[in-house]
Amino acid sequence: MKQTIKLSLIAASVLALTACNQKAQETAKVEEVKLETEIQQQAYGIGASVGNFLQKDLADKKELGIELDQELLMRGFKDALAGNAKLDDEKIREVLTALDSSVREKQTAKGEADAKKNKEEGQKYLAENAKKDGVTVTESGLQYEVMSTGEGKKPVATDIVKVHYKGTLLDGSEFDSSYSRNQPATFPLNQVIAGWTEGLQLMPVGSKFKFTIPSELGYGERNLGKIPANSTLVFEVELLEIQEDKEKPAE
């Protein structure tokens, strides 16, 4: 069975342009762009939208080591609009499919290399952090520091908790924060990452802890964009409240 070939957006965009068989009318060279009417702005907006996409796409490919000739790209764009593309549709599909395959291979290789690097850097950081005064390491490898201690009770895994928190990577970049949203988060404690499920059960209500969470107690090998694969995570967490699970049977 033949597998459906998924082309990248840039491939789809160029293929769509090649289907345009209408000849572009020759016009005098315009020195200044006029955007006075809505239709002018719409036309320019289409071009700008394609340009913005292509700019990012080319930059992403360059980061992978694939540097495309921008002049040839523009020439292909203009030729297709004029109905005079130098490659037929079949050849365009062939070369762009090959490009997509190359991009995917390089992305996979880069992802694996980045994940390995993140794992190694995390292990080194955890080893050094464990030596610091005030840092406790649990049997699972979770590390925590008590920033302040409250006088409330500690939650259990089946509780619903209300917290304020800030999450950062080892380089200090913030990937999430309830403080930034000015809105505490509420969730069942057994439905979050393992590091949180374990760590918050150590906290009396009213406490603030700092957790350093190994990747295996966080998001593991998943790449979540702001949180790359195998990332060691640092959280500052305030436990504000424990809410009883309404579905939990009364004792």
Protein backbone atom coordinates (compact mmCIF):
# COMPACT_ATOMS: atom_id res chain seq x y z
CA MET A 1 0.00 0.00 0.00
CA LYS A 2 1.35 3.36 -0.94
CA GLN A 3 1.78 5.78 1.92
CA THR A 4 0.48 9.30 1.52
CA ILE A 5 3.36 11.73 1.20
CA LYS A 6 2.94 14.80 3.38
CA LEU A 7 4.66 17.84 1.93
CA SER A 8 5.76 20.75 4.07
CA LEU A 9 3.86 24.03 3.96
CA ILE A 10 6.51 25.54 1.74
CA ALA A 11 6.15 22.65 -0.68
CA ALA A 12 2.39 23.00 -0.70
CA SER A 13 2.67 26.74 -1.21
CA VAL A 14 4.99 26.40 -4.22
CA LEU A 15 2.88 23.63 -5.75
CA ALA A 16 -0.21 25.77 -5.44
CA LEU A 17 1.57 28.62 -7.20
CA THR A 18 2.57 26.38 -10.10
CA ALA A 19 -1.10 25.62 -10.74
CA CYS A 20 -1.67 29.27 -11.60
CA ASN A 21 -1.64 29.34 -15.41
CA GLN A 22 -2.75 32.92 -15.90
CA LYS A 23 -0.06 35.16 -17.28
CA ALA A 24 0.82 38.08 -15.06
CA GLN A 25 0.36 41.36 -16.88
CA GLU A 26 3.52 43.33 -17.34
CA THR A 27 3.45 46.54 -15.35
CA ALA A 28 5.76 49.48 -14.97
CA LYS A 29 8.19 49.25 -12.09
CA VAL A 30 6.63 50.84 -9.04
CA GLU A 31 9.03 52.74 -6.87
CA GLU A 32 6.68 53.14 -3.94
CA VAL A 33 4.13 50.65 -2.61
CA LYS A 34 0.60 52.06 -2.43
CA LEU A 35 -1.57 50.65 0.33
CA GLU A 36 -4.40 53.15 0.17
CA THR A 37 -7.31 50.82 -0.57
CA GLU A 38 -8.49 47.63 1.09
CA ILE A 39 -7.85 45.57 -2.04
CA GLN A 40 -4.26 46.88 -2.19
CA GLN A 41 -3.75 45.98 1.44
CA GLN A 42 -5.23 42.52 0.87
CA ALA A 43 -2.89 41.84 -2.04
CA TYR A 44 0.11 43.07 -0.08
CA GLY A 45 -1.05 41.11 2.95
CA ILE A 46 -1.03 37.84 1.00
CA GLY A 47 2.51 38.51 -0.17
CA ALA A 48 3.67 39.55 3.29
CA SER A 49 2.09 36.46 4.84
CA VAL A 50 3.89 34.15 2.41
CA GLY A 51 7.10 36.11 2.93
CA ASN A 52 6.89 35.85 6.72
CA PHE A 53 6.35 32.11 6.48
CA LEU A 54 9.21 31.63 4.05
CA GLN A 55 11.56 33.74 6.17
CA LYS A 56 10.98 31.52 9.19
CA ASP A 57 11.04 28.34 7.13
CA LEU A 58 14.38 29.25 5.53
CA ALA A 59 15.84 30.16 8.93
CA ASP A 60 14.70 26.82 10.41
CA LYS A 61 16.25 24.92 7.52
CA LYS A 62 19.50 26.90 7.78
CA GLU A 63 19.73 25.93 11.45
CA LEU A 64 19.62 22.29 10.31
CA GLY A 65 22.39 22.91 7.79
CA ILE A 66 20.16 23.26 4.73
CA GLU A 67 20.75 26.67 3.15
CA LEU A 68 18.55 27.35 0.14
CA ASP A 69 19.35 29.96 -2.53
CA GLN A 70 16.93 32.82 -1.81
CA GLU A 71 17.36 34.30 -5.29
CA LEU A 72 16.32 31.01 -6.90
CA LEU A 73 13.39 30.75 -4.53
CA MET A 74 12.18 34.20 -5.58
CA ARG A 75 12.73 33.34 -9.25
CA GLY A 76 10.65 30.20 -8.89
CA PHE A 77 7.92 32.20 -7.18
CA LYS A 78 7.81 34.80 -9.96
CA ASP A 79 8.01 32.22 -12.77
CA ALA A 80 5.13 30.22 -11.27
CA LEU A 81 2.98 33.33 -10.92
CA ALA A 82 3.67 34.07 -14.57
CA GLY A 83 2.76 30.51 -15.54
CA ASN A 84 6.30 29.87 -16.70
CA ALA A 85 7.80 27.53 -14.11
CA LYS A 86 11.00 25.84 -15.30
CA LEU A 87 10.10 22.58 -13.54
CA ASP A 88 6.86 20.66 -14.11
CA ASP A 89 4.57 19.63 -11.24
CA GLU A 90 5.91 16.07 -11.08
CA LYS A 91 9.52 17.23 -10.79
CA ILE A 92 8.58 19.83 -8.17
CA ARG A 93 6.88 17.14 -6.09
CA GLU A 94 9.94 14.92 -6.45
CA VAL A 95 12.52 17.51 -5.34
CA LEU A 96 10.38 18.89 -2.53
CA THR A 97 9.58 15.42 -1.22
CA ALA A 98 13.32 14.76 -1.11
CA LEU A 99 13.79 18.07 0.72
CA ASP A 100 11.12 17.14 3.25
CA SER A 101 12.77 13.77 3.86
CA SER A 102 16.13 15.44 4.41
CA VAL A 103 14.62 17.96 6.81
CA ARG A 104 12.90 15.22 8.85
CA GLU A 105 16.11 13.19 9.06
CA LYS A 106 18.10 16.19 10.24
CA GLN A 107 15.37 17.19 12.73
CA THR A 108 15.39 13.67 14.16
CA ALA A 109 19.17 13.65 14.46
CA LYS A 110 19.20 17.11 16.06
CA GLY A 111 16.42 16.12 18.47
CA GLU A 112 18.32 13.04 19.59
CA ALA A 113 21.54 15.01 20.04
CA ASP A 114 19.76 17.76 21.99
CA ALA A 115 17.98 15.21 24.20
CA LYS A 116 21.29 13.50 25.00
CA LYS A 117 22.91 16.83 25.80
CA ASN A 118 19.99 17.87 28.03
CA LYS A 119 20.19 14.57 29.91
CA GLU A 120 23.91 14.92 30.53
CA GLU A 121 23.64 18.56 31.60
CA GLY A 122 20.75 17.68 33.91
CA GLN A 123 22.67 14.87 35.60
CA LYS A 124 25.65 17.15 36.15
CA TYR A 125 23.45 19.92 37.57
CA LEU A 126 21.62 17.52 39.89
CA ALA A 127 24.89 16.11 41.20
CA GLU A 128 26.20 19.59 42.05
CA ASN A 129 22.87 20.84 43.40
CA ALA A 130 22.59 17.87 45.76
CA LYS A 131 25.74 19.07 47.57
CA LYS A 132 24.25 22.46 48.48
CA ASP A 133 23.18 23.25 52.03
CA GLY A 134 19.44 22.93 52.51
CA VAL A 135 18.89 20.58 49.56
CA THR A 136 17.25 17.24 50.34
CA VAL A 137 17.26 14.39 47.84
CA THR A 138 14.48 11.80 48.03
CA GLU A 139 14.80 8.12 47.10
CA SER A 140 13.31 8.83 43.65
CA GLY A 141 15.92 11.51 42.92
CA LEU A 142 13.65 14.50 43.52
CA GLN A 143 15.51 17.43 45.10
CA TYR A 144 13.81 20.06 47.23
CA GLU A 145 14.59 23.10 49.35
CA VAL A 146 12.27 24.56 51.98
CA MET A 147 11.95 28.29 51.30
CA SER A 148 9.27 28.82 53.95
CA THR A 149 7.11 26.49 56.05
CA GLY A 150 3.38 26.78 56.63
CA GLU A 151 1.35 25.31 59.45
CA GLY A 152 -1.39 23.55 57.47
CA LYS A 153 -1.74 19.86 56.78
CA LYS A 154 0.03 18.03 53.99
CA PRO A 155 -1.93 16.81 50.97
CA VAL A 156 -2.17 13.21 49.80
CA ALA A 157 -2.06 12.09 46.18
CA THR A 158 -5.85 11.97 45.85
CA ASP A 159 -6.31 15.59 46.99
CA ILE A 160 -7.03 18.56 44.77
CA VAL A 161 -4.58 21.36 45.49
CA LYS A 162 -4.41 25.06 44.74
CA VAL A 163 -0.92 26.45 44.11
CA HIS A 164 1.11 29.34 42.79
CA TYR A 165 4.25 28.33 40.91
CA LYS A 166 7.01 29.30 38.53
CA GLY A 167 8.82 26.81 36.30
CA THR A 168 12.24 27.37 34.71
CA LEU A 169 14.84 25.41 32.78
CA LEU A 170 18.43 25.11 33.97
CA ASP A 171 19.43 28.18 31.94
CA GLY A 172 16.89 30.24 33.90
CA SER A 173 14.39 30.64 31.07
CA GLU A 174 10.81 30.60 32.35
CA PHE A 175 8.43 28.22 30.58
CA ASP A 176 5.36 28.61 32.80
CA SER A 177 4.17 30.72 35.72
CA SER A 178 0.87 31.15 37.51
CA TYR A 179 2.32 34.37 38.94
CA SER A 180 2.59 35.82 35.44
CA ARG A 181 -1.06 34.96 34.81
CA ASN A 182 -2.00 36.28 38.26
CA GLN A 183 -4.12 33.15 38.62
CA PRO A 184 -3.32 30.21 40.93
CA ALA A 185 -3.62 26.72 39.45
CA THR A 186 -5.95 24.03 40.82
CA PHE A 187 -5.54 20.36 39.92
CA PRO A 188 -5.75 16.79 41.27
CA LEU A 189 -2.34 15.95 42.68
CA ASN A 190 -2.29 12.51 41.05
CA GLN A 191 -2.76 13.97 37.55
CA VAL A 192 0.46 15.97 37.22
CA ILE A 193 4.11 15.03 36.65
CA ALA A 194 5.56 12.56 39.16
CA GLY A 195 7.90 15.16 40.64
CA TRP A 196 4.94 17.33 41.60
CA THR A 197 2.85 14.44 42.92
CA GLU A 198 5.69 13.41 45.22
CA GLY A 199 6.96 16.86 46.11
CA LEU A 200 3.73 18.57 47.08
CA GLN A 201 2.92 15.78 49.52
CA LEU A 202 5.95 16.97 51.51
CA MET A 203 4.52 20.49 51.86
CA PRO A 204 2.24 21.73 54.64
CA VAL A 205 -0.33 24.23 53.38
CA GLY A 206 1.17 27.72 53.44
CA SER A 207 4.67 26.49 52.53
CA LYS A 208 6.89 27.46 49.64
CA PHE A 209 9.37 24.90 48.30
CA LYS A 210 11.87 24.84 45.47
CA PHE A 211 11.92 21.59 43.52
CA THR A 212 14.62 20.41 41.13
CA ILE A 213 13.01 17.63 39.13
CA PRO A 214 14.99 15.07 37.09
CA SER A 215 13.65 14.53 33.58
CA GLU A 216 12.33 11.06 34.42
CA LEU A 217 10.09 12.64 37.09
CA GLY A 218 9.08 15.40 34.68
CA TYR A 219 8.23 15.09 30.99
CA GLY A 220 10.92 12.57 30.10
CA GLU A 221 11.84 12.26 26.43
CA ARG A 222 8.87 14.29 25.19
CA ASN A 223 9.70 17.54 23.43
CA LEU A 224 7.06 20.09 24.43
CA GLY A 225 8.58 23.09 22.68
CA LYS A 226 9.29 25.33 25.65
CA ILE A 227 10.33 22.22 27.54
CA PRO A 228 12.84 20.26 25.42
CA ALA A 229 13.23 16.50 25.74
CA ASN A 230 15.05 15.22 28.85
CA SER A 231 14.91 18.61 30.58
CA THR A 232 15.64 18.90 34.28
CA LEU A 233 13.05 21.32 35.67
CA VAL A 234 13.19 23.84 38.52
CA PHE A 235 9.95 24.89 40.20
CA GLU A 236 9.17 27.31 42.99
CA VAL A 237 5.81 26.24 44.41
CA GLU A 238 3.50 27.74 47.04
CA LEU A 239 0.83 25.41 48.40
CA LEU A 240 -2.16 27.68 49.01
CA GLU A 241 -4.96 25.29 49.74
CA ILE A 242 -6.14 21.68 49.77
CA GLN A 243 -9.58 21.05 48.35
CA GLU A 244 -11.27 17.79 49.18
CA ASP A 245 -11.97 15.52 46.24
CA LYS A 246 -15.77 15.61 46.00
CA GLU A 247 -15.79 12.20 44.32
CA LYS A 248 -13.92 10.61 47.22
CA PRO A 249 -16.33 8.52 49.32
CA ALA A 250 -16.99 9.75 52.84
CA GLU A 251 -15.32 7.79 55.59
